[in-house]
Amino acid sequence: MISKRLCSAILLALLATSMATSIATGSKALAQNPLRENMFQGQAVPRDVREMYERGLTWLENNQNDNGRFKGGESGPGVTGSIIEDQTATTGYIGSSMYHHGFAMLALAEAYGALDERRLWDGVSKNESKHRSIGKALELAVRTAITSQNKNNVGGWRYSPDSTDADTSVSGSVMVGLLAARNAGVEVPDKSIDRAIEYFTSMTSSSGQVAYAGGLGGFDNSPARVSIATLVYSVSGRKDLKEFKATSTFLKSTDSNETSDHYGEYTAYYKAQALFQSDIAAWEKWNKNLIRELKEKQRADGHFDGNYGAPVATSMSLLALALNFRFLPIYER
């Protein structure tokens, strides 16, 4: 059974997803990794951020169940862990929706190569149907995403892998997962990335607003969706697109309180990455306000409260701060 004192390298790797903070169940305790100590020694990282992050990570470690999941709120492989054991061996599908699949795929991609996999299933009789390697699990997950997209009429993704329509929120989670997998060395066809980009451009207005689903129209002032599109354009290397220029400009014009609404932590998670990738000066200004706001909201024991439970809110809040460390590949500019 996995230790409640989860290896810091796993936590750091999986905090690169929006919510996932455990990769698999079935392993014994993993040794503390010096990466965590090194991470908090950077002089450029504000002390407030380092202290908030340390408290948040400690709370997550102390609130993990023996099955690899976390206590309270939403559950599932794209939310609170147990990723590999929840993957269907025959299809590579992870969880109950492509939302879970996308975030779990991102977690696998960020963990791939960062862990000593000899310890992943230590003490467990390895069964390929459940206890495969991170690399194998990631390759299967990518195959699922591509197969799903090939069935889709508009080149994106929605909740079911068999959906013929799409929305920009689910498509964003899958797209970032694919881009991270490609960054990790897994083959992702260019045509899959190109087709997804075409979908996002079709959903982006000339003003920079981004629609949720359906065809053109339905645009509103959603900083979450604008952030998702900006991030997708950035990480895929499409900053030359007029749609990227429109979304990044629109994003900088939205100065609303990022963590005050129903989707606050989710919005802050994406906006942090989008601003960091598109305009570092704008991110630095926004980041100072975010640090101040999250410092006020963090509880004494290190957790954050939110509509989807403390594990989700805590992970998302830490992720919004993670750009300060420049630690994980997905956060590189």
C-alpha atoms as a PDB file:
ATOM      1  CA  MET A   1       0.000   0.000   0.000  1.00  0.00           C
ATOM      2  CA  ILE A   2       1.255   3.455  -0.767  1.00  0.00           C
ATOM      3  CA  SER A   3       2.574   5.442   2.140  1.00  0.00           C
ATOM      4  CA  LYS A   4       0.711   8.451   3.433  1.00  0.00           C
ATOM      5  CA  ARG A   5       4.108  10.151   3.379  1.00  0.00           C
ATOM      6  CA  LEU A   6       4.128  10.163  -0.389  1.00  0.00           C
ATOM      7  CA  CYS A   7       7.494  10.813  -2.027  1.00  0.00           C
ATOM      8  CA  SER A   8       7.895  14.520  -2.653  1.00  0.00           C
ATOM      9  CA  ALA A   9       8.947  13.897  -6.236  1.00  0.00           C
ATOM     10  CA  ILE A  10       5.539  12.356  -6.910  1.00  0.00           C
ATOM     11  CA  LEU A  11       3.733  15.236  -5.281  1.00  0.00           C
ATOM     12  CA  LEU A  12       5.727  17.772  -7.236  1.00  0.00           C
ATOM     13  CA  ALA A  13       5.248  15.934 -10.493  1.00  0.00           C
ATOM     14  CA  LEU A  14       1.549  15.455  -9.995  1.00  0.00           C
ATOM     15  CA  LEU A  15       0.955  18.988  -8.859  1.00  0.00           C
ATOM     16  CA  ALA A  16       1.556  19.739 -12.525  1.00  0.00           C
ATOM     17  CA  THR A  17      -1.973  18.523 -13.146  1.00  0.00           C
ATOM     18  CA  SER A  18      -4.908  20.627 -12.050  1.00  0.00           C
ATOM     19  CA  MET A  19      -5.749  18.357  -9.169  1.00  0.00           C
ATOM     20  CA  ALA A  20      -4.043  14.956  -9.246  1.00  0.00           C
ATOM     21  CA  THR A  21      -1.687  14.360  -6.365  1.00  0.00           C
ATOM     22  CA  SER A  22      -1.019  10.606  -6.480  1.00  0.00           C
ATOM     23  CA  ILE A  23       0.116   8.407  -9.330  1.00  0.00           C
ATOM     24  CA  ALA A  24      -0.793   4.877  -8.293  1.00  0.00           C
ATOM     25  CA  THR A  25      -1.572   2.652  -5.371  1.00  0.00           C
ATOM     26  CA  GLY A  26       0.202  -0.488  -4.394  1.00  0.00           C
ATOM     27  CA  SER A  27       3.706   0.686  -3.554  1.00  0.00           C
ATOM     28  CA  LYS A  28       5.372   0.875  -0.174  1.00  0.00           C
ATOM     29  CA  ALA A  29       6.845   4.018   1.291  1.00  0.00           C
ATOM     30  CA  LEU A  30       9.127   5.918  -1.032  1.00  0.00           C
ATOM     31  CA  ALA A  31      12.187   7.675   0.315  1.00  0.00           C
ATOM     32  CA  GLN A  32      12.073  11.412   0.773  1.00  0.00           C
ATOM     33  CA  ASN A  33      13.583  13.048  -2.286  1.00  0.00           C
ATOM     34  CA  PRO A  34      16.104  15.899  -1.992  1.00  0.00           C
ATOM     35  CA  LEU A  35      14.276  17.716  -4.804  1.00  0.00           C
ATOM     36  CA  ARG A  36      11.842  19.030  -2.243  1.00  0.00           C
ATOM     37  CA  GLU A  37      14.536  20.581  -0.097  1.00  0.00           C
ATOM     38  CA  ASN A  38      16.273  22.037  -3.161  1.00  0.00           C
ATOM     39  CA  MET A  39      12.995  23.411  -4.445  1.00  0.00           C
ATOM     40  CA  PHE A  40      12.579  25.700  -1.464  1.00  0.00           C
ATOM     41  CA  GLN A  41      16.092  27.118  -1.486  1.00  0.00           C
ATOM     42  CA  GLY A  42      15.666  29.443  -4.453  1.00  0.00           C
ATOM     43  CA  GLN A  43      16.231  32.995  -3.319  1.00  0.00           C
ATOM     44  CA  ALA A  44      14.030  34.347  -6.102  1.00  0.00           C
ATOM     45  CA  VAL A  45      10.943  32.617  -4.672  1.00  0.00           C
ATOM     46  CA  PRO A  46       9.102  34.827  -2.181  1.00  0.00           C
ATOM     47  CA  ARG A  47       9.195  33.524   1.363  1.00  0.00           C
ATOM     48  CA  ASP A  48       5.401  33.668   1.589  1.00  0.00           C
ATOM     49  CA  VAL A  49       5.119  31.355  -1.392  1.00  0.00           C
ATOM     50  CA  ARG A  50       7.651  28.873  -0.035  1.00  0.00           C
ATOM     51  CA  GLU A  51       5.897  28.714   3.327  1.00  0.00           C
ATOM     52  CA  MET A  52       2.425  28.397   1.786  1.00  0.00           C
ATOM     53  CA  TYR A  53       3.609  25.654  -0.531  1.00  0.00           C
ATOM     54  CA  GLU A  54       5.311  23.721   2.257  1.00  0.00           C
ATOM     55  CA  ARG A  55       2.193  23.830   4.439  1.00  0.00           C
ATOM     56  CA  GLY A  56      -0.026  22.815   1.543  1.00  0.00           C
ATOM     57  CA  LEU A  57       2.174  19.883   0.531  1.00  0.00           C
ATOM     58  CA  THR A  58       2.358  18.696   4.130  1.00  0.00           C
ATOM     59  CA  TRP A  59      -1.425  18.802   4.430  1.00  0.00           C
ATOM     60  CA  LEU A  60      -1.822  16.778   1.220  1.00  0.00           C
ATOM     61  CA  GLU A  61       0.713  14.199   2.401  1.00  0.00           C
ATOM     62  CA  ASN A  62      -1.033  13.847   5.749  1.00  0.00           C
ATOM     63  CA  ASN A  63      -4.488  13.484   4.208  1.00  0.00           C
ATOM     64  CA  GLN A  64      -3.802  10.670   1.782  1.00  0.00           C
ATOM     65  CA  ASN A  65      -5.618   7.377   2.242  1.00  0.00           C
ATOM     66  CA  ASP A  66      -3.835   4.053   1.981  1.00  0.00           C
ATOM     67  CA  ASN A  67      -5.431   3.461  -1.442  1.00  0.00           C
ATOM     68  CA  GLY A  68      -3.648   6.521  -2.846  1.00  0.00           C
ATOM     69  CA  ARG A  69      -6.656   8.822  -2.900  1.00  0.00           C
ATOM     70  CA  PHE A  70      -7.285  11.812  -0.679  1.00  0.00           C
ATOM     71  CA  LYS A  71      -9.943  12.475   1.931  1.00  0.00           C
ATOM     72  CA  GLY A  72     -12.985  14.560   1.119  1.00  0.00           C
ATOM     73  CA  GLY A  73     -14.580  16.194  -1.914  1.00  0.00           C
ATOM     74  CA  GLU A  74     -14.366  15.060  -5.518  1.00  0.00           C
ATOM     75  CA  SER A  75     -12.666  11.776  -6.329  1.00  0.00           C
ATOM     76  CA  GLY A  76     -11.262   9.958  -9.335  1.00  0.00           C
ATOM     77  CA  PRO A  77      -7.924   9.561 -11.132  1.00  0.00           C
ATOM     78  CA  GLY A  78      -7.977  13.070 -12.569  1.00  0.00           C
ATOM     79  CA  VAL A  79      -8.732  14.588  -9.190  1.00  0.00           C
ATOM     80  CA  THR A  80      -7.083  12.791  -6.307  1.00  0.00           C
ATOM     81  CA  GLY A  81      -4.911  10.033  -7.621  1.00  0.00           C
ATOM     82  CA  SER A  82      -4.719   6.243  -8.086  1.00  0.00           C
ATOM     83  CA  ILE A  83      -4.102   6.903 -11.776  1.00  0.00           C
ATOM     84  CA  ILE A  84      -2.476   3.765 -13.161  1.00  0.00           C
ATOM     85  CA  GLU A  85      -4.709   1.310 -11.329  1.00  0.00           C
ATOM     86  CA  ASP A  86      -7.764   3.169 -12.662  1.00  0.00           C
ATOM     87  CA  GLN A  87      -6.598   2.872 -16.271  1.00  0.00           C
ATOM     88  CA  THR A  88      -8.394   0.368 -18.482  1.00  0.00           C
ATOM     89  CA  ALA A  89      -5.685  -1.945 -19.773  1.00  0.00           C
ATOM     90  CA  THR A  90      -7.367  -2.724 -23.101  1.00  0.00           C
ATOM     91  CA  THR A  91      -8.145   0.858 -24.138  1.00  0.00           C
ATOM     92  CA  GLY A  92      -5.861   3.081 -22.060  1.00  0.00           C
ATOM     93  CA  TYR A  93      -8.856   5.110 -20.833  1.00  0.00           C
ATOM     94  CA  ILE A  94      -8.337   6.627 -17.374  1.00  0.00           C
ATOM     95  CA  GLY A  95     -11.329   7.315 -15.174  1.00  0.00           C
ATOM     96  CA  SER A  96     -14.940   8.068 -15.961  1.00  0.00           C
ATOM     97  CA  SER A  97     -14.577  11.010 -18.338  1.00  0.00           C
ATOM     98  CA  MET A  98     -12.125  12.579 -20.756  1.00  0.00           C
ATOM     99  CA  TYR A  99     -11.758  15.375 -18.200  1.00  0.00           C
ATOM    100  CA  HIS A 100     -10.210  12.898 -15.784  1.00  0.00           C
ATOM    101  CA  HIS A 101      -8.284  11.335 -18.643  1.00  0.00           C
ATOM    102  CA  GLY A 102      -6.705  14.609 -19.725  1.00  0.00           C
ATOM    103  CA  PHE A 103      -5.529  15.639 -16.271  1.00  0.00           C
ATOM    104  CA  ALA A 104      -4.332  12.116 -15.457  1.00  0.00           C
ATOM    105  CA  MET A 105      -2.393  12.047 -18.733  1.00  0.00           C
ATOM    106  CA  LEU A 106      -0.722  15.325 -17.787  1.00  0.00           C
ATOM    107  CA  ALA A 107       0.196  13.881 -14.397  1.00  0.00           C
ATOM    108  CA  LEU A 108       1.766  10.815 -16.001  1.00  0.00           C
ATOM    109  CA  ALA A 109       3.690  12.960 -18.478  1.00  0.00           C
ATOM    110  CA  GLU A 110       5.125  15.163 -15.748  1.00  0.00           C
ATOM    111  CA  ALA A 111       6.030  12.165 -13.571  1.00  0.00           C
ATOM    112  CA  TYR A 112       7.574  10.221 -16.450  1.00  0.00           C
ATOM    113  CA  GLY A 113      11.337  10.234 -16.049  1.00  0.00           C
ATOM    114  CA  ALA A 114      11.170  12.009 -12.692  1.00  0.00           C
ATOM    115  CA  LEU A 115      10.684   8.868 -10.611  1.00  0.00           C
ATOM    116  CA  ASP A 116      12.663   5.750  -9.881  1.00  0.00           C
ATOM    117  CA  GLU A 117      10.094   3.301 -11.233  1.00  0.00           C
ATOM    118  CA  ARG A 118      11.802   0.362  -9.560  1.00  0.00           C
ATOM    119  CA  ARG A 119      10.083   1.556  -6.399  1.00  0.00           C
ATOM    120  CA  LEU A 120       6.688   2.255  -7.900  1.00  0.00           C
ATOM    121  CA  TRP A 121       5.319  -1.260  -7.392  1.00  0.00           C
ATOM    122  CA  ASP A 122       7.742  -2.342  -4.676  1.00  0.00           C
ATOM    123  CA  GLY A 123       6.356  -5.335  -2.810  1.00  0.00           C
ATOM    124  CA  VAL A 124       3.541  -5.891  -5.302  1.00  0.00           C
ATOM    125  CA  SER A 125       3.270  -8.795  -7.705  1.00  0.00           C
ATOM    126  CA  LYS A 126       3.379  -6.840 -10.946  1.00  0.00           C
ATOM    127  CA  ASN A 127       0.343  -7.452 -13.124  1.00  0.00           C
ATOM    128  CA  GLU A 128       0.505  -5.783 -16.552  1.00  0.00           C
ATOM    129  CA  SER A 129      -3.246  -5.230 -16.489  1.00  0.00           C
ATOM    130  CA  LYS A 130      -2.907  -2.971 -13.417  1.00  0.00           C
ATOM    131  CA  HIS A 131       0.736  -2.393 -12.522  1.00  0.00           C
ATOM    132  CA  ARG A 132       2.287  -1.168 -15.748  1.00  0.00           C
ATOM    133  CA  SER A 133       5.082   1.398 -15.933  1.00  0.00           C
ATOM    134  CA  ILE A 134       4.443   5.126 -16.121  1.00  0.00           C
ATOM    135  CA  GLY A 135       5.741   5.180 -19.694  1.00  0.00           C
ATOM    136  CA  LYS A 136       3.446   2.378 -20.798  1.00  0.00           C
ATOM    137  CA  ALA A 137       0.478   3.959 -19.059  1.00  0.00           C
ATOM    138  CA  LEU A 138       1.249   7.288 -20.730  1.00  0.00           C
ATOM    139  CA  GLU A 139       1.532   5.729 -24.190  1.00  0.00           C
ATOM    140  CA  LEU A 140      -1.830   4.006 -23.700  1.00  0.00           C
ATOM    141  CA  ALA A 141      -3.412   7.255 -22.499  1.00  0.00           C
ATOM    142  CA  VAL A 142      -2.140   9.127 -25.558  1.00  0.00           C
ATOM    143  CA  ARG A 143      -3.545   6.416 -27.824  1.00  0.00           C
ATOM    144  CA  THR A 144      -6.947   6.792 -26.169  1.00  0.00           C
ATOM    145  CA  ALA A 145      -6.929  10.568 -26.660  1.00  0.00           C
ATOM    146  CA  ILE A 146      -6.026  10.277 -30.331  1.00  0.00           C
ATOM    147  CA  THR A 147      -8.602   7.553 -30.971  1.00  0.00           C
ATOM    148  CA  SER A 148     -11.236   9.694 -29.278  1.00  0.00           C
ATOM    149  CA  GLN A 149     -10.327  12.729 -31.364  1.00  0.00           C
ATOM    150  CA  ASN A 150     -10.535  10.706 -34.567  1.00  0.00           C
ATOM    151  CA  LYS A 151     -14.178   9.980 -33.741  1.00  0.00           C
ATOM    152  CA  ASN A 152     -14.923  13.624 -33.076  1.00  0.00           C
ATOM    153  CA  ASN A 153     -16.596  15.759 -35.719  1.00  0.00           C
ATOM    154  CA  VAL A 154     -14.845  18.997 -34.737  1.00  0.00           C
ATOM    155  CA  GLY A 155     -11.414  17.752 -33.670  1.00  0.00           C
ATOM    156  CA  GLY A 156     -11.785  18.267 -29.934  1.00  0.00           C
ATOM    157  CA  TRP A 157     -12.970  16.261 -26.959  1.00  0.00           C
ATOM    158  CA  ARG A 158     -15.909  16.084 -24.597  1.00  0.00           C
ATOM    159  CA  TYR A 159     -16.744  13.951 -21.575  1.00  0.00           C
ATOM    160  CA  SER A 160     -17.119  10.634 -23.353  1.00  0.00           C
ATOM    161  CA  PRO A 161     -14.291   9.171 -25.466  1.00  0.00           C
ATOM    162  CA  ASP A 162     -16.981   8.444 -28.070  1.00  0.00           C
ATOM    163  CA  SER A 163     -18.415  11.987 -28.184  1.00  0.00           C
ATOM    164  CA  THR A 164     -18.877  13.540 -31.603  1.00  0.00           C
ATOM    165  CA  ASP A 165     -19.072  17.096 -30.235  1.00  0.00           C
ATOM    166  CA  ALA A 166     -16.604  18.980 -28.040  1.00  0.00           C
ATOM    167  CA  ASP A 167     -16.137  21.783 -25.543  1.00  0.00           C
ATOM    168  CA  THR A 168     -13.135  23.991 -24.915  1.00  0.00           C
ATOM    169  CA  SER A 169     -12.791  23.082 -21.244  1.00  0.00           C
ATOM    170  CA  VAL A 170     -12.462  19.313 -21.685  1.00  0.00           C
ATOM    171  CA  SER A 171     -10.492  19.823 -24.909  1.00  0.00           C
ATOM    172  CA  GLY A 172      -8.043  22.014 -23.035  1.00  0.00           C
ATOM    173  CA  SER A 173      -7.359  19.383 -20.409  1.00  0.00           C
ATOM    174  CA  VAL A 174      -6.733  16.694 -23.031  1.00  0.00           C
ATOM    175  CA  MET A 175      -4.701  18.993 -25.258  1.00  0.00           C
ATOM    176  CA  VAL A 176      -2.331  20.057 -22.476  1.00  0.00           C
ATOM    177  CA  GLY A 177      -1.936  16.406 -21.529  1.00  0.00           C
ATOM    178  CA  LEU A 178      -0.989  15.526 -25.096  1.00  0.00           C
ATOM    179  CA  LEU A 179       1.468  18.407 -25.338  1.00  0.00           C
ATOM    180  CA  ALA A 180       3.100  17.345 -22.071  1.00  0.00           C
ATOM    181  CA  ALA A 181       3.323  13.763 -23.330  1.00  0.00           C
ATOM    182  CA  ARG A 182       4.985  14.967 -26.516  1.00  0.00           C
ATOM    183  CA  ASN A 183       7.380  17.033 -24.426  1.00  0.00           C
ATOM    184  CA  ALA A 184       8.205  13.861 -22.472  1.00  0.00           C
ATOM    185  CA  GLY A 185       9.136  12.046 -25.675  1.00  0.00           C
ATOM    186  CA  VAL A 186       5.939  10.156 -26.479  1.00  0.00           C
ATOM    187  CA  GLU A 187       4.956  10.278 -30.139  1.00  0.00           C
ATOM    188  CA  VAL A 188       1.918  12.484 -30.731  1.00  0.00           C
ATOM    189  CA  PRO A 189       0.973  12.993 -34.410  1.00  0.00           C
ATOM    190  CA  ASP A 190       1.258  16.568 -35.669  1.00  0.00           C
ATOM    191  CA  LYS A 191      -2.126  16.201 -37.336  1.00  0.00           C
ATOM    192  CA  SER A 192      -3.741  15.611 -33.936  1.00  0.00           C
ATOM    193  CA  ILE A 193      -2.268  18.827 -32.549  1.00  0.00           C
ATOM    194  CA  ASP A 194      -3.112  20.763 -35.720  1.00  0.00           C
ATOM    195  CA  ARG A 195      -6.709  19.572 -35.706  1.00  0.00           C
ATOM    196  CA  ALA A 196      -7.174  20.517 -32.062  1.00  0.00           C
ATOM    197  CA  ILE A 197      -5.714  23.964 -32.725  1.00  0.00           C
ATOM    198  CA  GLU A 198      -8.178  24.400 -35.584  1.00  0.00           C
ATOM    199  CA  TYR A 199     -10.970  23.607 -33.150  1.00  0.00           C
ATOM    200  CA  PHE A 200      -9.749  26.228 -30.675  1.00  0.00           C
ATOM    201  CA  THR A 201      -9.368  28.892 -33.352  1.00  0.00           C
ATOM    202  CA  SER A 202     -12.934  28.172 -34.487  1.00  0.00           C
ATOM    203  CA  MET A 203     -14.095  28.833 -30.923  1.00  0.00           C
ATOM    204  CA  THR A 204     -12.147  32.085 -30.492  1.00  0.00           C
ATOM    205  CA  SER A 205     -13.697  35.428 -31.403  1.00  0.00           C
ATOM    206  CA  SER A 206     -11.804  38.374 -32.834  1.00  0.00           C
ATOM    207  CA  SER A 207     -12.182  40.078 -29.437  1.00  0.00           C
ATOM    208  CA  GLY A 208     -10.385  37.207 -27.701  1.00  0.00           C
ATOM    209  CA  GLN A 209     -13.433  35.679 -26.046  1.00  0.00           C
ATOM    210  CA  VAL A 210     -13.684  31.889 -26.184  1.00  0.00           C
ATOM    211  CA  ALA A 211     -16.943  29.967 -26.521  1.00  0.00           C
ATOM    212  CA  TYR A 212     -17.706  26.856 -24.497  1.00  0.00           C
ATOM    213  CA  ALA A 213     -19.327  24.445 -26.947  1.00  0.00           C
ATOM    214  CA  GLY A 214     -21.123  24.297 -30.259  1.00  0.00           C
ATOM    215  CA  GLY A 215     -20.211  26.427 -33.223  1.00  0.00           C
ATOM    216  CA  LEU A 216     -19.438  30.127 -33.422  1.00  0.00           C
ATOM    217  CA  GLY A 217     -21.335  32.192 -30.901  1.00  0.00           C
ATOM    218  CA  GLY A 218     -21.884  31.854 -27.164  1.00  0.00           C
ATOM    219  CA  PHE A 219     -18.952  34.093 -26.353  1.00  0.00           C
ATOM    220  CA  ASP A 220     -18.767  35.631 -22.904  1.00  0.00           C
ATOM    221  CA  ASN A 221     -16.207  37.004 -20.484  1.00  0.00           C
ATOM    222  CA  SER A 222     -14.932  33.681 -19.137  1.00  0.00           C
ATOM    223  CA  PRO A 223     -11.339  34.125 -17.912  1.00  0.00           C
ATOM    224  CA  ALA A 224     -11.055  30.350 -17.481  1.00  0.00           C
ATOM    225  CA  ARG A 225     -11.782  29.551 -21.135  1.00  0.00           C
ATOM    226  CA  VAL A 226      -9.710  32.476 -22.418  1.00  0.00           C
ATOM    227  CA  SER A 227      -6.846  31.237 -20.255  1.00  0.00           C
ATOM    228  CA  ILE A 228      -7.214  27.672 -21.546  1.00  0.00           C
ATOM    229  CA  ALA A 229      -7.068  28.806 -25.157  1.00  0.00           C
ATOM    230  CA  THR A 230      -4.110  31.104 -24.500  1.00  0.00           C
ATOM    231  CA  LEU A 231      -2.221  28.265 -22.817  1.00  0.00           C
ATOM    232  CA  VAL A 232      -2.989  25.803 -25.614  1.00  0.00           C
ATOM    233  CA  TYR A 233      -1.800  28.254 -28.263  1.00  0.00           C
ATOM    234  CA  SER A 234       1.350  29.001 -26.254  1.00  0.00           C
ATOM    235  CA  VAL A 235       2.455  25.473 -25.387  1.00  0.00           C
ATOM    236  CA  SER A 236       1.765  24.212 -28.899  1.00  0.00           C
ATOM    237  CA  GLY A 237       4.024  26.936 -30.312  1.00  0.00           C
ATOM    238  CA  ARG A 238       1.266  28.877 -32.087  1.00  0.00           C
ATOM    239  CA  LYS A 239       1.899  32.356 -30.740  1.00  0.00           C
ATOM    240  CA  ASP A 240       1.922  33.628 -34.301  1.00  0.00           C
ATOM    241  CA  LEU A 241      -1.836  33.072 -34.581  1.00  0.00           C
ATOM    242  CA  LYS A 242      -4.110  36.084 -34.476  1.00  0.00           C
ATOM    243  CA  GLU A 243      -6.309  34.130 -32.086  1.00  0.00           C
ATOM    244  CA  PHE A 244      -3.448  33.911 -29.592  1.00  0.00           C
ATOM    245  CA  LYS A 245      -2.866  37.639 -29.804  1.00  0.00           C
ATOM    246  CA  ALA A 246      -6.586  38.207 -29.229  1.00  0.00           C
ATOM    247  CA  THR A 247      -6.913  35.892 -26.225  1.00  0.00           C
ATOM    248  CA  SER A 248      -3.705  37.055 -24.556  1.00  0.00           C
ATOM    249  CA  THR A 249      -4.765  40.692 -24.941  1.00  0.00           C
ATOM    250  CA  PHE A 250      -8.245  39.952 -23.597  1.00  0.00           C
ATOM    251  CA  LEU A 251      -6.804  37.968 -20.689  1.00  0.00           C
ATOM    252  CA  LYS A 252      -4.686  40.879 -19.501  1.00  0.00           C
ATOM    253  CA  SER A 253      -7.790  43.058 -19.444  1.00  0.00           C
ATOM    254  CA  THR A 254      -9.570  40.811 -16.919  1.00  0.00           C
ATOM    255  CA  ASP A 255      -8.558  41.841 -13.424  1.00  0.00           C
ATOM    256  CA  SER A 256     -11.327  40.112 -11.508  1.00  0.00           C
ATOM    257  CA  ASN A 257     -10.784  38.337  -8.195  1.00  0.00           C
ATOM    258  CA  GLU A 258      -9.579  34.973  -9.504  1.00  0.00           C
ATOM    259  CA  THR A 259     -10.535  32.709  -6.602  1.00  0.00           C
ATOM    260  CA  SER A 260     -13.823  34.230  -5.490  1.00  0.00           C
ATOM    261  CA  ASP A 261     -16.315  32.506  -7.785  1.00  0.00           C
ATOM    262  CA  HIS A 262     -17.529  28.916  -8.150  1.00  0.00           C
ATOM    263  CA  TYR A 263     -14.648  28.008 -10.447  1.00  0.00           C
ATOM    264  CA  GLY A 264     -12.094  30.193  -8.713  1.00  0.00           C
ATOM    265  CA  GLU A 265      -9.223  27.762  -8.148  1.00  0.00           C
ATOM    266  CA  TYR A 266      -9.697  26.281 -11.614  1.00  0.00           C
ATOM    267  CA  THR A 267      -9.568  29.720 -13.206  1.00  0.00           C
ATOM    268  CA  ALA A 268      -6.496  30.761 -11.221  1.00  0.00           C
ATOM    269  CA  TYR A 269      -4.707  27.533 -12.180  1.00  0.00           C
ATOM    270  CA  TYR A 270      -5.150  28.179 -15.888  1.00  0.00           C
ATOM    271  CA  LYS A 271      -4.697  31.942 -15.781  1.00  0.00           C
ATOM    272  CA  ALA A 272      -1.373  31.602 -13.954  1.00  0.00           C
ATOM    273  CA  GLN A 273      -0.004  29.401 -16.732  1.00  0.00           C
ATOM    274  CA  ALA A 274      -1.543  31.438 -19.544  1.00  0.00           C
ATOM    275  CA  LEU A 275      -0.106  34.748 -18.326  1.00  0.00           C
ATOM    276  CA  PHE A 276       3.260  33.170 -17.589  1.00  0.00           C
ATOM    277  CA  GLN A 277       3.466  31.783 -21.119  1.00  0.00           C
ATOM    278  CA  SER A 278       2.138  34.855 -22.909  1.00  0.00           C
ATOM    279  CA  ASP A 279       3.393  37.904 -20.979  1.00  0.00           C
ATOM    280  CA  ILE A 280       5.806  37.445 -18.093  1.00  0.00           C
ATOM    281  CA  ALA A 281       5.457  41.063 -16.941  1.00  0.00           C
ATOM    282  CA  ALA A 282       1.670  40.715 -16.748  1.00  0.00           C
ATOM    283  CA  TRP A 283       2.078  37.454 -14.837  1.00  0.00           C
ATOM    284  CA  GLU A 284       4.453  39.058 -12.309  1.00  0.00           C
ATOM    285  CA  LYS A 285       1.955  41.810 -11.559  1.00  0.00           C
ATOM    286  CA  TRP A 286      -0.986  39.397 -11.302  1.00  0.00           C
ATOM    287  CA  ASN A 287       1.024  36.867  -9.299  1.00  0.00           C
ATOM    288  CA  LYS A 288       1.709  39.372  -6.508  1.00  0.00           C
ATOM    289  CA  ASN A 289      -2.015  39.876  -6.010  1.00  0.00           C
ATOM    290  CA  LEU A 290      -2.647  36.125  -6.131  1.00  0.00           C
ATOM    291  CA  ILE A 291      -0.024  35.451  -3.451  1.00  0.00           C
ATOM    292  CA  ARG A 292      -1.624  38.029  -1.173  1.00  0.00           C
ATOM    293  CA  GLU A 293      -5.103  36.610  -1.736  1.00  0.00           C
ATOM    294  CA  LEU A 294      -4.150  32.968  -1.224  1.00  0.00           C
ATOM    295  CA  LYS A 295      -2.153  33.793   1.889  1.00  0.00           C
ATOM    296  CA  GLU A 296      -5.347  35.139   3.420  1.00  0.00           C
ATOM    297  CA  LYS A 297      -7.337  32.065   2.404  1.00  0.00           C
ATOM    298  CA  GLN A 298      -4.966  29.294   3.469  1.00  0.00           C
ATOM    299  CA  ARG A 299      -6.009  27.584   6.713  1.00  0.00           C
ATOM    300  CA  ALA A 300      -3.616  27.148   9.608  1.00  0.00           C
ATOM    301  CA  ASP A 301      -3.084  23.462   8.807  1.00  0.00           C
ATOM    302  CA  GLY A 302      -2.167  24.278   5.196  1.00  0.00           C
ATOM    303  CA  HIS A 303      -5.348  23.428   3.292  1.00  0.00           C
ATOM    304  CA  PHE A 304      -7.653  25.614   1.227  1.00  0.00           C
ATOM    305  CA  ASP A 305     -11.444  25.320   1.119  1.00  0.00           C
ATOM    306  CA  GLY A 306     -13.377  25.146  -2.134  1.00  0.00           C
ATOM    307  CA  ASN A 307     -16.557  23.965  -3.817  1.00  0.00           C
ATOM    308  CA  TYR A 308     -15.036  20.608  -4.783  1.00  0.00           C
ATOM    309  CA  GLY A 309     -13.424  19.765  -1.478  1.00  0.00           C
ATOM    310  CA  ALA A 310     -10.186  20.641   0.288  1.00  0.00           C
ATOM    311  CA  PRO A 311      -7.869  18.282  -1.679  1.00  0.00           C
ATOM    312  CA  VAL A 312      -8.942  19.827  -4.979  1.00  0.00           C
ATOM    313  CA  ALA A 313      -8.878  23.403  -3.696  1.00  0.00           C
ATOM    314  CA  THR A 314      -5.487  22.892  -2.063  1.00  0.00           C
ATOM    315  CA  SER A 315      -3.902  21.309  -5.138  1.00  0.00           C
ATOM    316  CA  MET A 316      -5.333  23.935  -7.476  1.00  0.00           C
ATOM    317  CA  SER A 317      -4.219  26.796  -5.250  1.00  0.00           C
ATOM    318  CA  LEU A 318      -0.698  25.402  -5.009  1.00  0.00           C
ATOM    319  CA  LEU A 319      -0.634  24.909  -8.754  1.00  0.00           C
ATOM    320  CA  ALA A 320      -1.545  28.538  -9.300  1.00  0.00           C
ATOM    321  CA  LEU A 321       1.578  29.377  -7.270  1.00  0.00           C
ATOM    322  CA  ALA A 322       3.791  26.742  -8.885  1.00  0.00           C
ATOM    323  CA  LEU A 323       5.065  29.049 -11.618  1.00  0.00           C
ATOM    324  CA  ASN A 324       7.141  30.813  -8.966  1.00  0.00           C
ATOM    325  CA  PHE A 325       9.429  27.768  -8.819  1.00  0.00           C
ATOM    326  CA  ARG A 326       9.867  27.109 -12.575  1.00  0.00           C
ATOM    327  CA  PHE A 327      10.261  23.526 -11.475  1.00  0.00           C
ATOM    328  CA  LEU A 328       8.258  21.302 -13.845  1.00  0.00           C
ATOM    329  CA  PRO A 329       8.591  20.947 -17.626  1.00  0.00           C
ATOM    330  CA  ILE A 330       5.037  22.082 -18.334  1.00  0.00           C
ATOM    331  CA  TYR A 331       5.852  25.421 -16.680  1.00  0.00           C
ATOM    332  CA  GLU A 332       8.878  26.175 -18.839  1.00  0.00           C
ATOM    333  CA  ARG A 333       8.630  29.106 -21.231  1.00  0.00           C
END
